[in-house]
């Protein structure tokens, strides 16, 4: 027992000496082989070792798209303006006590909203405070007059949101989605906040509310095969790609990854992305590969099948296409993991297909953009009536730079 203790003590002392000796090239060269063996077992020696190829592996770079990052920067103030407008309109007297603002937006966000109220008197008016009374905020006369047109805009949007809501249910494996999950993306879909009580009962032949496993869920009552066409297919049909003769001459893929074919996706790689020949060959094979429609039930396909994986990309493409601004947060997309059979590594799937999707870390949460929906100046190409109305309301601030989208000059 004692001899073991002395041996351990001697080894510890030797270790302490070598900790200082090993940093010196001379000490390292004159040390005995046994001491080097002991040293390497317990102390890190900083030796640079080359890999078998003689080069460090290249890091995979995710190229930024500054135009889409700019969208998130431009939307910060407009988002606060539009949300405060909705809160004020939801009040019985169309006004909100400033002391109650924290109840609606939280303590931290309250100060951002207070800054918006102070900065944009052309939209928000603060009144009260006479005789020690409470202050309240309301819309100015001009803003209230413009906000009155929202009812007409919502009426024009109703066929669009009903169609997109039906398509969302058709994408799910059981044509049924918990109501709470739909409410998480109601603004992205352009749904009114009271869609459960107002919109759904108007279409009993299409929708129904049912309790599934103790959760209120929205069930699709009627399948429409005419709606089982993706936005990608509609775009190709407008371009005449789907109607082209199958016997036409072979078309090579371009250097930007685009290919004119019935199974191809539109690619928009960032400016700094320089694909090599082997990468383009791989993209060409992928673009030409057939795949099942995302409106077919996902249970019919094996997840590891390359065609099924391409179907997932088409599913994510269609999901983003159903939103009014062609973007959602990663969290919102992952909420539908069970209903849509999304991949377990959703973010990696989106990053792999960076020619189709773009993830920005600007803003509070990671946001996924459908690249083809935006032009090179941060502008949404296809804007629905609700987006146009919101854009017009935000312009009351008098600063065009705060608008979510750059208005067209035509």
Protein backbone atom coordinates (compact mmCIF):
# COMPACT_ATOMS: atom_id res chain seq x y z
CA UNK A 1 0.00 0.00 0.00
CA UNK A 2 2.80 2.37 0.99
CA UNK A 3 4.86 1.51 -2.10
CA UNK A 4 1.87 2.32 -4.33
CA UNK A 5 1.45 5.68 -2.60
CA UNK A 6 5.16 6.54 -3.07
CA UNK A 7 5.00 5.55 -6.74
CA UNK A 8 1.98 7.81 -7.34
CA UNK A 9 3.66 10.68 -5.50
CA UNK A 10 6.79 10.29 -7.63
CA UNK A 11 4.72 10.27 -10.83
CA UNK A 12 2.90 13.44 -9.79
CA UNK A 13 6.19 15.26 -9.14
CA UNK A 14 7.49 14.15 -12.53
CA UNK A 15 4.33 15.43 -14.16
CA UNK A 16 4.74 18.87 -12.59
CA UNK A 17 8.31 19.13 -13.89
CA UNK A 18 7.34 18.09 -17.39
CA UNK A 19 4.50 20.59 -17.55
CA UNK A 20 7.14 23.30 -17.65
CA UNK A 21 9.78 21.40 -19.60
CA UNK A 22 7.51 20.39 -22.50
CA UNK A 23 7.00 23.97 -23.68
CA UNK A 24 10.78 24.28 -24.34
CA UNK A 25 12.09 22.74 -27.59
CA UNK A 26 15.35 21.83 -25.83
CA UNK A 27 13.54 20.12 -22.94
CA UNK A 28 11.33 18.26 -25.41
CA UNK A 29 14.40 17.05 -27.34
CA UNK A 30 16.38 15.94 -24.25
CA UNK A 31 13.54 14.23 -22.41
CA UNK A 32 13.64 10.46 -22.12
CA UNK A 33 11.18 8.33 -24.08
CA UNK A 34 9.53 7.12 -20.89
CA UNK A 35 8.98 10.66 -19.66
CA UNK A 36 7.55 11.62 -23.04
CA UNK A 37 5.12 8.74 -22.85
CA UNK A 38 3.98 9.74 -19.38
CA UNK A 39 3.71 13.37 -20.43
CA UNK A 40 1.57 12.63 -23.47
CA UNK A 41 -0.90 10.67 -21.37
CA UNK A 42 -1.84 13.55 -19.09
CA UNK A 43 -0.67 16.89 -20.57
CA UNK A 44 -1.63 18.37 -23.90
CA UNK A 45 1.34 18.98 -26.24
CA UNK A 46 0.61 21.57 -28.91
CA UNK A 47 1.81 19.78 -32.05
CA UNK A 48 0.35 20.73 -35.43
CA UNK A 49 -0.52 17.62 -37.39
CA UNK A 50 -1.32 17.53 -41.07
CA UNK A 51 -4.28 15.67 -42.41
CA UNK A 52 -3.90 12.96 -45.00
CA UNK A 53 -4.60 15.45 -47.78
CA UNK A 54 -2.17 18.04 -46.47
CA UNK A 55 -4.94 20.69 -46.37
CA UNK A 56 -7.47 21.83 -43.88
CA UNK A 57 -11.04 20.97 -44.91
CA UNK A 58 -12.88 23.95 -46.30
CA UNK A 59 -15.60 25.39 -44.13
CA UNK A 60 -19.07 25.37 -45.56
CA UNK A 61 -20.17 28.97 -46.01
CA UNK A 62 -23.79 30.07 -45.92
CA UNK A 63 -23.88 33.17 -48.09
CA UNK A 64 -25.95 36.10 -46.92
CA UNK A 65 -28.60 37.69 -49.11
CA UNK A 66 -28.45 41.30 -47.98
CA UNK A 67 -31.65 42.24 -49.84
CA UNK A 68 -33.66 39.75 -47.76
CA UNK A 69 -31.85 40.76 -44.57
CA UNK A 70 -32.92 44.30 -45.40
CA UNK A 71 -36.57 43.19 -45.51
CA UNK A 72 -36.35 42.26 -41.83
CA UNK A 73 -34.72 45.57 -40.99
CA UNK A 74 -37.38 47.56 -42.86
CA UNK A 75 -40.28 45.72 -41.25
CA UNK A 76 -39.40 46.43 -37.60
CA UNK A 77 -41.25 49.74 -37.28
CA UNK A 78 -44.11 48.82 -39.64
CA UNK A 79 -44.78 45.69 -37.59
CA UNK A 80 -45.13 47.78 -34.42
CA UNK A 81 -47.35 50.30 -36.20
CA UNK A 82 -49.72 47.68 -37.60
CA UNK A 83 -49.92 45.74 -34.35
CA UNK A 84 -50.70 48.86 -32.33
CA UNK A 85 -53.39 49.75 -34.87
CA UNK A 86 -54.99 46.35 -34.40
CA UNK A 87 -54.88 46.65 -30.61
CA UNK A 88 -56.54 50.08 -30.71
CA UNK A 89 -59.23 48.87 -33.12
CA UNK A 90 -60.01 45.92 -30.86
CA UNK A 91 -60.94 48.25 -27.98
CA UNK A 92 -64.56 49.15 -27.37
CA UNK A 93 -63.99 52.92 -27.65
CA UNK A 94 -61.30 52.65 -30.35
CA UNK A 95 -58.74 53.95 -27.86
CA UNK A 96 -56.28 52.40 -25.43
CA UNK A 97 -55.16 53.60 -22.03
CA UNK A 98 -51.37 53.86 -22.02
CA UNK A 99 -51.31 52.18 -18.63
CA UNK A 100 -52.93 49.10 -20.23
CA UNK A 101 -50.41 48.84 -23.07
CA UNK A 102 -48.20 46.52 -21.05
CA UNK A 103 -51.05 44.00 -20.72
CA UNK A 104 -51.16 43.58 -24.50
CA UNK A 105 -47.47 43.66 -25.47
CA UNK A 106 -45.48 42.95 -22.31
CA UNK A 107 -43.15 45.08 -20.23
CA UNK A 108 -40.14 45.01 -22.57
CA UNK A 109 -42.03 45.68 -25.81
CA UNK A 110 -44.05 48.42 -24.17
CA UNK A 111 -41.19 50.88 -24.52
CA UNK A 112 -40.83 50.15 -28.23
CA UNK A 113 -44.51 50.90 -28.73
CA UNK A 114 -44.24 54.08 -26.66
CA UNK A 115 -41.43 55.19 -28.96
CA UNK A 116 -43.63 54.54 -32.01
CA UNK A 117 -46.50 56.54 -30.51
CA UNK A 118 -44.16 59.48 -29.88
CA UNK A 119 -42.41 59.27 -33.24
CA UNK A 120 -45.47 59.09 -35.50
CA UNK A 121 -48.07 61.69 -34.46
CA UNK A 122 -49.51 61.48 -37.98
CA UNK A 123 -50.86 58.02 -37.08
CA UNK A 124 -51.33 57.99 -33.30
CA UNK A 125 -52.82 60.69 -31.09
CA UNK A 126 -52.37 60.87 -27.31
CA UNK A 127 -55.18 62.49 -25.34
CA UNK A 128 -56.41 62.78 -21.76
CA UNK A 129 -54.38 63.58 -18.70
CA UNK A 130 -56.62 66.51 -17.80
CA UNK A 131 -57.10 66.86 -14.07
CA UNK A 132 -54.82 63.91 -13.37
CA UNK A 133 -56.85 61.56 -15.57
CA UNK A 134 -55.23 58.67 -17.47
CA UNK A 135 -53.64 59.16 -20.89
CA UNK A 136 -54.94 57.15 -23.83
CA UNK A 137 -53.88 56.68 -27.44
CA UNK A 138 -56.10 56.51 -30.51
CA UNK A 139 -55.75 56.81 -34.27
CA UNK A 140 -55.64 60.22 -35.86
CA UNK A 141 -58.53 61.27 -38.07
CA UNK A 142 -56.57 60.53 -41.25
CA UNK A 143 -55.38 57.14 -40.01
CA UNK A 144 -58.86 56.22 -38.80
CA UNK A 145 -60.35 57.12 -42.16
CA UNK A 146 -57.85 54.90 -43.96
CA UNK A 147 -58.30 52.09 -41.43
CA UNK A 148 -62.01 52.14 -42.23
CA UNK A 149 -61.17 50.67 -45.64
CA UNK A 150 -59.82 47.51 -44.04
CA UNK A 151 -63.27 45.91 -44.04
CA UNK A 152 -63.37 46.11 -47.83
CA UNK A 153 -59.84 44.71 -48.04
CA UNK A 154 -60.79 41.80 -45.79
CA UNK A 155 -63.78 41.12 -48.00
CA UNK A 156 -61.54 40.98 -51.06
CA UNK A 157 -59.12 38.72 -49.20
CA UNK A 158 -61.74 36.19 -48.09
CA UNK A 159 -61.67 33.99 -51.24
CA UNK A 160 -57.86 33.98 -51.10
CA UNK A 161 -57.56 32.98 -47.44
CA UNK A 162 -60.29 30.34 -47.75
CA UNK A 163 -58.48 28.79 -50.71
CA UNK A 164 -55.10 28.84 -48.96
CA UNK A 165 -56.57 27.42 -45.76
CA UNK A 166 -58.09 24.55 -47.76
CA UNK A 167 -54.75 23.89 -49.44
CA UNK A 168 -52.97 23.87 -46.07
CA UNK A 169 -55.38 21.21 -44.79
CA UNK A 170 -54.93 19.23 -48.02
CA UNK A 171 -51.16 19.19 -47.43
CA UNK A 172 -51.62 17.51 -44.03
CA UNK A 173 -51.70 13.72 -43.85
CA UNK A 174 -55.17 13.57 -42.25
CA UNK A 175 -56.61 16.80 -43.69
CA UNK A 176 -56.89 17.94 -40.09
CA UNK A 177 -54.76 20.41 -38.12
CA UNK A 178 -55.11 21.56 -34.49
CA UNK A 179 -56.69 24.98 -34.35
CA UNK A 180 -54.00 26.31 -32.02
CA UNK A 181 -51.34 25.66 -34.67
CA UNK A 182 -53.30 27.53 -37.32
CA UNK A 183 -53.72 30.45 -34.95
CA UNK A 184 -49.91 30.66 -34.68
CA UNK A 185 -49.71 31.57 -38.37
CA UNK A 186 -53.04 33.37 -38.83
CA UNK A 187 -51.36 36.67 -39.67
CA UNK A 188 -49.00 34.93 -42.11
CA UNK A 189 -52.00 33.39 -43.88
CA UNK A 190 -53.87 36.70 -43.86
CA UNK A 191 -56.64 35.29 -41.64
CA UNK A 192 -58.64 37.68 -39.45
CA UNK A 193 -58.17 37.28 -35.72
CA UNK A 194 -61.77 36.07 -35.36
CA UNK A 195 -61.63 33.54 -38.21
CA UNK A 196 -62.69 30.72 -35.87
CA UNK A 197 -65.98 32.41 -35.00
CA UNK A 198 -66.70 34.32 -38.22
CA UNK A 199 -64.98 32.73 -41.22
CA UNK A 200 -65.19 29.01 -40.48
CA UNK A 201 -68.97 28.90 -39.80
CA UNK A 202 -69.60 30.58 -43.18
CA UNK A 203 -68.26 27.51 -45.03
CA UNK A 204 -69.72 24.40 -43.35
CA UNK A 205 -69.41 22.45 -46.61
CA UNK A 206 -65.61 22.97 -46.52
CA UNK A 207 -64.56 23.24 -42.87
CA UNK A 208 -65.66 21.81 -39.56
CA UNK A 209 -64.40 22.10 -36.00
CA UNK A 210 -63.81 18.78 -34.23
CA UNK A 211 -62.14 17.58 -31.08
CA UNK A 212 -59.23 15.27 -31.93
CA UNK A 213 -57.36 13.74 -28.99
CA UNK A 214 -58.78 16.44 -26.73
CA UNK A 215 -57.68 19.32 -28.99
CA UNK A 216 -59.91 21.59 -31.06
CA UNK A 217 -58.97 20.93 -34.68
CA UNK A 218 -59.97 22.18 -38.10
CA UNK A 219 -61.12 19.40 -40.42
CA UNK A 220 -61.42 19.55 -44.19
CA UNK A 221 -64.85 18.32 -45.28
CA UNK A 222 -64.43 18.45 -49.06
CA UNK A 223 -61.36 17.59 -51.13
CA UNK A 224 -61.01 19.61 -54.32
CA UNK A 225 -58.65 18.01 -56.83
CA UNK A 226 -58.55 21.29 -58.74
CA UNK A 227 -56.71 22.86 -55.78
CA UNK A 228 -54.11 20.09 -55.58
CA UNK A 229 -51.80 22.07 -57.85
CA UNK A 230 -48.73 23.71 -56.38
CA UNK A 231 -47.66 27.30 -56.93
CA UNK A 232 -44.54 25.92 -58.64
CA UNK A 233 -46.67 24.03 -61.16
CA UNK A 234 -48.87 27.07 -61.75
CA UNK A 235 -45.79 29.16 -62.49
CA UNK A 236 -44.44 26.58 -64.94
CA UNK A 237 -47.83 26.39 -66.65
CA UNK A 238 -47.86 30.16 -67.14
CA UNK A 239 -44.42 29.90 -68.72
CA UNK A 240 -45.59 27.06 -70.95
CA UNK A 241 -43.05 24.59 -69.55
CA UNK A 242 -45.60 21.93 -68.59
CA UNK A 243 -47.08 21.97 -72.10
CA UNK A 244 -43.78 21.58 -73.92
CA UNK A 245 -43.28 18.52 -76.07
CA UNK A 246 -41.50 15.72 -74.21
CA UNK A 247 -39.45 14.99 -77.34
CA UNK A 248 -37.78 18.38 -77.50
CA UNK A 249 -34.03 18.66 -77.71
CA UNK A 250 -31.91 18.33 -74.59
CA UNK A 251 -31.53 21.48 -72.53
CA UNK A 252 -28.47 21.99 -70.38
CA UNK A 253 -28.71 23.55 -66.97
CA UNK A 254 -27.45 27.13 -66.71
CA UNK A 255 -24.65 28.33 -64.46
CA UNK A 256 -27.15 29.73 -61.97
CA UNK A 257 -28.70 26.31 -61.40
CA UNK A 258 -31.92 26.96 -63.35
CA UNK A 259 -33.34 24.40 -65.71
CA UNK A 260 -36.43 24.52 -67.89
CA UNK A 261 -38.29 21.33 -67.04
CA UNK A 262 -41.53 20.12 -65.46
CA UNK A 263 -39.79 18.92 -62.28
CA UNK A 264 -37.44 21.88 -61.79
CA UNK A 265 -37.39 24.59 -59.13
CA UNK A 266 -36.40 28.17 -59.71
CA UNK A 267 -32.96 28.85 -58.22
CA UNK A 268 -31.62 32.19 -56.99
CA UNK A 269 -28.12 31.79 -55.62
CA UNK A 270 -26.44 34.71 -53.80
CA UNK A 271 -23.91 36.88 -55.60
CA UNK A 272 -20.91 35.37 -53.81
CA UNK A 273 -21.88 31.77 -54.58
CA UNK A 274 -19.66 30.22 -57.26
CA UNK A 275 -20.71 26.62 -57.99
CA UNK A 276 -18.20 24.36 -59.73
CA UNK A 277 -18.94 21.92 -62.54
CA UNK A 278 -19.48 18.90 -60.29
CA UNK A 279 -21.95 20.85 -58.16
CA UNK A 280 -23.91 21.94 -61.23
CA UNK A 281 -23.98 18.35 -62.49
CA UNK A 282 -25.49 17.26 -59.19
CA UNK A 283 -28.03 20.08 -59.34
CA UNK A 284 -28.92 19.11 -62.90
CA UNK A 285 -29.66 15.52 -61.89
CA UNK A 286 -31.75 16.77 -58.99
CA UNK A 287 -33.67 19.27 -61.13
CA UNK A 288 -34.54 16.59 -63.70
CA UNK A 289 -35.61 13.98 -61.15
CA UNK A 290 -39.33 13.28 -60.96
CA UNK A 291 -41.06 13.42 -57.59
CA UNK A 292 -44.58 12.89 -56.20
CA UNK A 293 -46.88 15.80 -55.54
CA UNK A 294 -46.84 17.27 -52.01
CA UNK A 295 -50.63 16.90 -52.04
CA UNK A 296 -50.26 13.11 -52.04
CA UNK A 297 -50.30 11.53 -48.59
CA UNK A 298 -46.80 11.43 -47.10
CA UNK A 299 -47.45 8.01 -45.53
CA UNK A 300 -47.17 6.46 -48.97
CA UNK A 301 -43.47 7.25 -49.33
CA UNK A 302 -40.25 6.13 -47.71
CA UNK A 303 -38.48 9.08 -46.10
CA UNK A 304 -35.04 7.96 -47.35
CA UNK A 305 -36.14 7.80 -50.99
CA UNK A 306 -34.50 10.65 -53.00
CA UNK A 307 -37.81 11.34 -54.72
CA UNK A 308 -39.55 11.61 -51.36
CA UNK A 309 -36.86 14.03 -50.18
CA UNK A 310 -37.44 16.20 -53.21
CA UNK A 311 -41.16 16.04 -52.43
CA UNK A 312 -40.37 17.53 -48.99
CA UNK A 313 -38.67 20.48 -50.71
CA UNK A 314 -41.80 20.95 -52.83
CA UNK A 315 -43.91 20.78 -49.66
CA UNK A 316 -41.89 23.52 -47.95
CA UNK A 317 -42.04 25.58 -51.15
CA UNK A 318 -45.83 25.25 -51.24
CA UNK A 319 -46.20 26.03 -47.52
CA UNK A 320 -44.34 29.31 -47.94
CA UNK A 321 -46.33 30.08 -51.09
CA UNK A 322 -49.56 29.97 -49.07
CA UNK A 323 -48.46 32.90 -46.89
CA UNK A 324 -49.15 36.49 -47.89
CA UNK A 325 -45.50 37.53 -47.59
CA UNK A 326 -43.92 34.21 -48.68
CA UNK A 327 -42.01 33.79 -45.43
CA UNK A 328 -42.38 32.15 -42.02
CA UNK A 329 -40.19 31.64 -39.00
CA UNK A 330 -38.43 28.30 -38.54
CA UNK A 331 -40.43 27.79 -35.34
CA UNK A 332 -43.73 28.29 -37.14
CA UNK A 333 -42.78 25.79 -39.83
CA UNK A 334 -41.61 23.19 -37.34
CA UNK A 335 -44.96 23.42 -35.52
CA UNK A 336 -46.46 21.42 -38.41
CA UNK A 337 -43.86 18.66 -38.11
CA UNK A 338 -46.43 15.96 -37.29
CA UNK A 339 -49.19 17.02 -39.66
CA UNK A 340 -46.94 17.52 -42.71
CA UNK A 341 -44.32 14.84 -41.95
CA UNK A 342 -41.51 17.39 -42.05
CA UNK A 343 -37.90 16.16 -41.73
CA UNK A 344 -36.38 15.96 -38.26
CA UNK A 345 -33.52 18.23 -39.37
CA UNK A 346 -35.66 20.91 -40.96
CA UNK A 347 -33.09 23.70 -40.80
CA UNK A 348 -30.43 21.55 -42.47
CA UNK A 349 -32.87 20.73 -45.26
CA UNK A 350 -33.51 24.44 -45.81
CA UNK A 351 -29.80 25.28 -45.77
CA UNK A 352 -28.99 22.51 -48.23
CA UNK A 353 -31.36 24.07 -50.76
CA UNK A 354 -30.12 27.65 -50.41
CA UNK A 355 -30.97 28.35 -54.02
CA UNK A 356 -34.68 28.04 -53.14
CA UNK A 357 -34.87 29.13 -49.49
CA UNK A 358 -33.03 31.68 -47.39
CA UNK A 359 -32.79 31.75 -43.60
CA UNK A 360 -31.99 35.10 -42.03
CA UNK A 361 -31.07 35.65 -38.40
CA UNK A 362 -32.18 39.25 -38.54
CA UNK A 363 -35.10 40.07 -36.26
CA UNK A 364 -36.22 38.23 -33.17
CA UNK A 365 -36.29 34.73 -34.69
CA UNK A 366 -34.88 32.94 -37.71
CA UNK A 367 -37.08 33.62 -40.72
CA UNK A 368 -37.32 31.51 -43.88
CA UNK A 369 -37.85 33.30 -47.20
CA UNK A 370 -38.99 31.86 -50.50
CA UNK A 371 -36.31 33.47 -52.66
CA UNK A 372 -38.17 33.56 -55.96
CA UNK A 373 -40.95 35.65 -54.37
CA UNK A 374 -38.64 38.67 -53.95
CA UNK A 375 -36.79 40.77 -56.50
CA UNK A 376 -33.32 42.25 -56.13
CA UNK A 377 -34.50 45.34 -54.23
CA UNK A 378 -36.12 43.70 -51.17
CA UNK A 379 -39.54 43.98 -52.80
CA UNK A 380 -42.22 41.30 -52.73
CA UNK A 381 -43.17 40.64 -56.34
CA UNK A 382 -46.75 39.38 -55.94
CA UNK A 383 -48.62 41.43 -53.35
CA UNK A 384 -52.15 40.60 -52.24
CA UNK A 385 -54.74 43.28 -51.30
CA UNK A 386 -53.93 42.97 -47.59
CA UNK A 387 -50.22 43.61 -48.14
CA UNK A 388 -51.01 46.62 -50.33
CA UNK A 389 -53.34 48.01 -47.66
CA UNK A 390 -50.77 47.57 -44.87
CA UNK A 391 -48.14 49.20 -47.02
CA UNK A 392 -50.40 52.17 -47.66
CA UNK A 393 -51.24 52.56 -43.96
CA UNK A 394 -47.58 52.51 -42.94
CA UNK A 395 -46.84 55.26 -45.48
CA UNK A 396 -48.82 57.62 -43.22
CA UNK A 397 -45.68 57.73 -41.12
CA UNK A 398 -44.21 59.94 -43.84
CA UNK A 399 -41.06 57.83 -44.16
CA UNK A 400 -41.02 55.54 -47.18
CA UNK A 401 -37.96 53.78 -45.83
CA UNK A 402 -40.06 52.27 -43.06
CA UNK A 403 -42.34 50.54 -45.50
CA UNK A 404 -42.00 46.77 -45.56
CA UNK A 405 -41.91 46.88 -49.35
CA UNK A 406 -40.66 49.50 -51.76
CA UNK A 407 -43.73 50.84 -53.57
CA UNK A 408 -43.62 50.57 -57.33
CA UNK A 409 -43.22 53.77 -59.27
CA UNK A 410 -45.51 52.73 -62.09
